[in-house]
Amino acid sequence: MDFGLGILTFGTLGFAVAFGYVGARATQKLRESDAPKSSLSADGIAERMAQISK
């Protein structure tokens, strides 16, 4: 019983760490790319307005 509980505990913790790492890597890739910013942010709306006025 204790062995199974240890596997479940460390498996859950391992999954959470791996999920966080993958999310952080995806966020870093998005920041480094030239993807358009969200129109909800202050600099994102300025970027879109600059594109429209060209």
N, C-alpha and C. Protein backbone atom coordinates (compact mmCIF):
# COMPACT_ATOMS: atom_id res chain seq x y z
N MET A 1 0.83 -1.20 0.00
CA MET A 1 0.00 0.00 0.00
C MET A 1 0.87 1.26 0.00
N ASP A 2 1.89 1.28 0.86
CA ASP A 2 2.75 2.46 0.93
C ASP A 2 3.54 2.65 -0.36
N PHE A 3 3.92 1.54 -0.98
CA PHE A 3 4.67 1.63 -2.23
C PHE A 3 3.82 2.26 -3.32
N GLY A 4 2.58 1.85 -3.43
CA GLY A 4 1.67 2.40 -4.43
C GLY A 4 1.38 3.87 -4.18
N LEU A 5 1.27 4.24 -2.93
CA LEU A 5 1.03 5.64 -2.59
C LEU A 5 2.23 6.49 -2.97
N GLY A 6 3.42 5.96 -2.78
CA GLY A 6 4.64 6.69 -3.17
C GLY A 6 4.72 6.88 -4.67
N ILE A 7 4.35 5.84 -5.41
CA ILE A 7 4.36 5.94 -6.88
C ILE A 7 3.35 6.99 -7.34
N LEU A 8 2.17 6.98 -6.77
CA LEU A 8 1.15 7.97 -7.15
C LEU A 8 1.59 9.39 -6.78
N THR A 9 2.19 9.53 -5.61
CA THR A 9 2.63 10.86 -5.16
C THR A 9 3.70 11.42 -6.07
N PHE A 10 4.77 10.64 -6.29
CA PHE A 10 5.87 11.14 -7.10
C PHE A 10 5.51 11.19 -8.58
N GLY A 11 4.60 10.33 -9.01
CA GLY A 11 4.12 10.41 -10.39
C GLY A 11 3.34 11.70 -10.63
N THR A 12 2.52 12.07 -9.67
CA THR A 12 1.75 13.31 -9.78
C THR A 12 2.67 14.52 -9.75
N LEU A 13 3.64 14.51 -8.84
CA LEU A 13 4.59 15.62 -8.76
C LEU A 13 5.44 15.72 -10.04
N GLY A 14 5.85 14.56 -10.55
CA GLY A 14 6.63 14.54 -11.79
C GLY A 14 5.84 15.08 -12.96
N PHE A 15 4.57 14.70 -13.03
CA PHE A 15 3.72 15.20 -14.11
C PHE A 15 3.55 16.72 -14.01
N ALA A 16 3.35 17.24 -12.81
CA ALA A 16 3.18 18.68 -12.63
C ALA A 16 4.44 19.43 -13.02
N VAL A 17 5.60 18.90 -12.66
CA VAL A 17 6.87 19.55 -13.03
C VAL A 17 7.07 19.51 -14.54
N ALA A 18 6.81 18.36 -15.16
CA ALA A 18 6.96 18.25 -16.61
C ALA A 18 5.99 19.17 -17.34
N PHE A 19 4.75 19.25 -16.87
CA PHE A 19 3.76 20.12 -17.49
C PHE A 19 4.18 21.59 -17.37
N GLY A 20 4.68 21.97 -16.23
CA GLY A 20 5.17 23.34 -16.04
C GLY A 20 6.35 23.65 -16.93
N TYR A 21 7.25 22.69 -17.09
CA TYR A 21 8.43 22.90 -17.95
C TYR A 21 8.01 23.08 -19.41
N VAL A 22 7.10 22.24 -19.87
CA VAL A 22 6.63 22.34 -21.26
C VAL A 22 5.92 23.67 -21.48
N GLY A 23 5.13 24.09 -20.52
CA GLY A 23 4.44 25.38 -20.63
C GLY A 23 5.41 26.55 -20.65
N ALA A 24 6.45 26.48 -19.84
CA ALA A 24 7.45 27.55 -19.81
C ALA A 24 8.22 27.61 -21.12
N ARG A 25 8.55 26.45 -21.70
CA ARG A 25 9.26 26.43 -22.98
C ARG A 25 8.38 26.99 -24.10
N ALA A 26 7.11 26.66 -24.10
CA ALA A 26 6.20 27.17 -25.13
C ALA A 26 6.05 28.69 -25.01
N THR A 27 5.98 29.19 -23.79
CA THR A 27 5.88 30.63 -23.58
C THR A 27 7.15 31.33 -24.04
N GLN A 28 8.31 30.74 -23.76
CA GLN A 28 9.57 31.32 -24.18
C GLN A 28 9.67 31.38 -25.70
N LYS A 29 9.27 30.32 -26.37
CA LYS A 29 9.28 30.31 -27.84
C LYS A 29 8.37 31.39 -28.40
N LEU A 30 7.21 31.58 -27.80
CA LEU A 30 6.27 32.58 -28.27
C LEU A 30 6.82 33.98 -28.08
N ARG A 31 7.51 34.22 -26.97
CA ARG A 31 8.10 35.54 -26.72
C ARG A 31 9.22 35.85 -27.70
N GLU A 32 9.98 34.82 -28.10
CA GLU A 32 11.10 35.03 -29.00
C GLU A 32 10.68 35.13 -30.46
N SER A 33 9.48 34.72 -30.79
CA SER A 33 9.02 34.76 -32.18
C SER A 33 8.44 36.14 -32.50
N ASP A 34 8.13 36.32 -33.75
CA ASP A 34 7.53 37.58 -34.19
C ASP A 34 6.01 37.48 -34.30
N ALA A 35 5.42 36.68 -33.47
CA ALA A 35 3.97 36.52 -33.49
C ALA A 35 3.31 37.83 -33.06
N PRO A 36 2.15 38.15 -33.61
CA PRO A 36 1.48 39.39 -33.20
C PRO A 36 1.06 39.33 -31.73
N LYS A 37 1.14 40.46 -31.08
CA LYS A 37 0.78 40.54 -29.67
C LYS A 37 -0.74 40.58 -29.53
N SER A 38 -1.20 40.31 -28.34
CA SER A 38 -2.63 40.32 -28.07
C SER A 38 -3.18 41.73 -28.24
N SER A 39 -4.36 41.84 -28.81
CA SER A 39 -4.97 43.16 -28.98
C SER A 39 -5.51 43.69 -27.65
N LEU A 40 -5.49 42.88 -26.62
CA LEU A 40 -5.93 43.33 -25.30
C LEU A 40 -4.84 44.06 -24.53
N SER A 41 -3.58 43.91 -24.95
CA SER A 41 -2.48 44.58 -24.25
C SER A 41 -2.28 45.97 -24.82
N ALA A 42 -1.66 46.84 -24.04
CA ALA A 42 -1.46 48.22 -24.47
C ALA A 42 -0.55 48.30 -25.69
N ASP A 43 0.55 47.56 -25.69
CA ASP A 43 1.45 47.61 -26.83
C ASP A 43 0.89 46.81 -28.01
N GLY A 44 0.02 45.85 -27.75
CA GLY A 44 -0.59 45.08 -28.84
C GLY A 44 -1.56 45.92 -29.65
N ILE A 45 -2.36 46.74 -28.98
CA ILE A 45 -3.31 47.59 -29.72
C ILE A 45 -2.55 48.68 -30.49
N ALA A 46 -1.46 49.17 -29.92
CA ALA A 46 -0.65 50.17 -30.64
C ALA A 46 -0.03 49.54 -31.88
N GLU A 47 0.38 48.29 -31.77
CA GLU A 47 0.95 47.59 -32.92
C GLU A 47 -0.08 47.40 -34.02
N ARG A 48 -1.31 47.04 -33.63
CA ARG A 48 -2.36 46.85 -34.63
C ARG A 48 -2.79 48.17 -35.27
N MET A 49 -2.84 49.22 -34.48
CA MET A 49 -3.22 50.52 -35.04
C MET A 49 -2.16 51.02 -36.00
N ALA A 50 -0.90 50.73 -35.73
CA ALA A 50 0.18 51.11 -36.63
C ALA A 50 0.08 50.35 -37.95
N GLN A 51 -0.33 49.09 -37.90
CA GLN A 51 -0.50 48.30 -39.12
C GLN A 51 -1.66 48.81 -39.95
N ILE A 52 -2.72 49.24 -39.29
CA ILE A 52 -3.90 49.74 -40.02
C ILE A 52 -3.60 51.06 -40.70
N SER A 53 -2.83 51.92 -40.05
CA SER A 53 -2.59 53.25 -40.59
C SER A 53 -1.56 53.26 -41.71
N LYS A 54 -0.91 52.15 -41.99
CA LYS A 54 0.09 52.10 -43.07
C LYS A 54 -0.54 52.13 -44.41
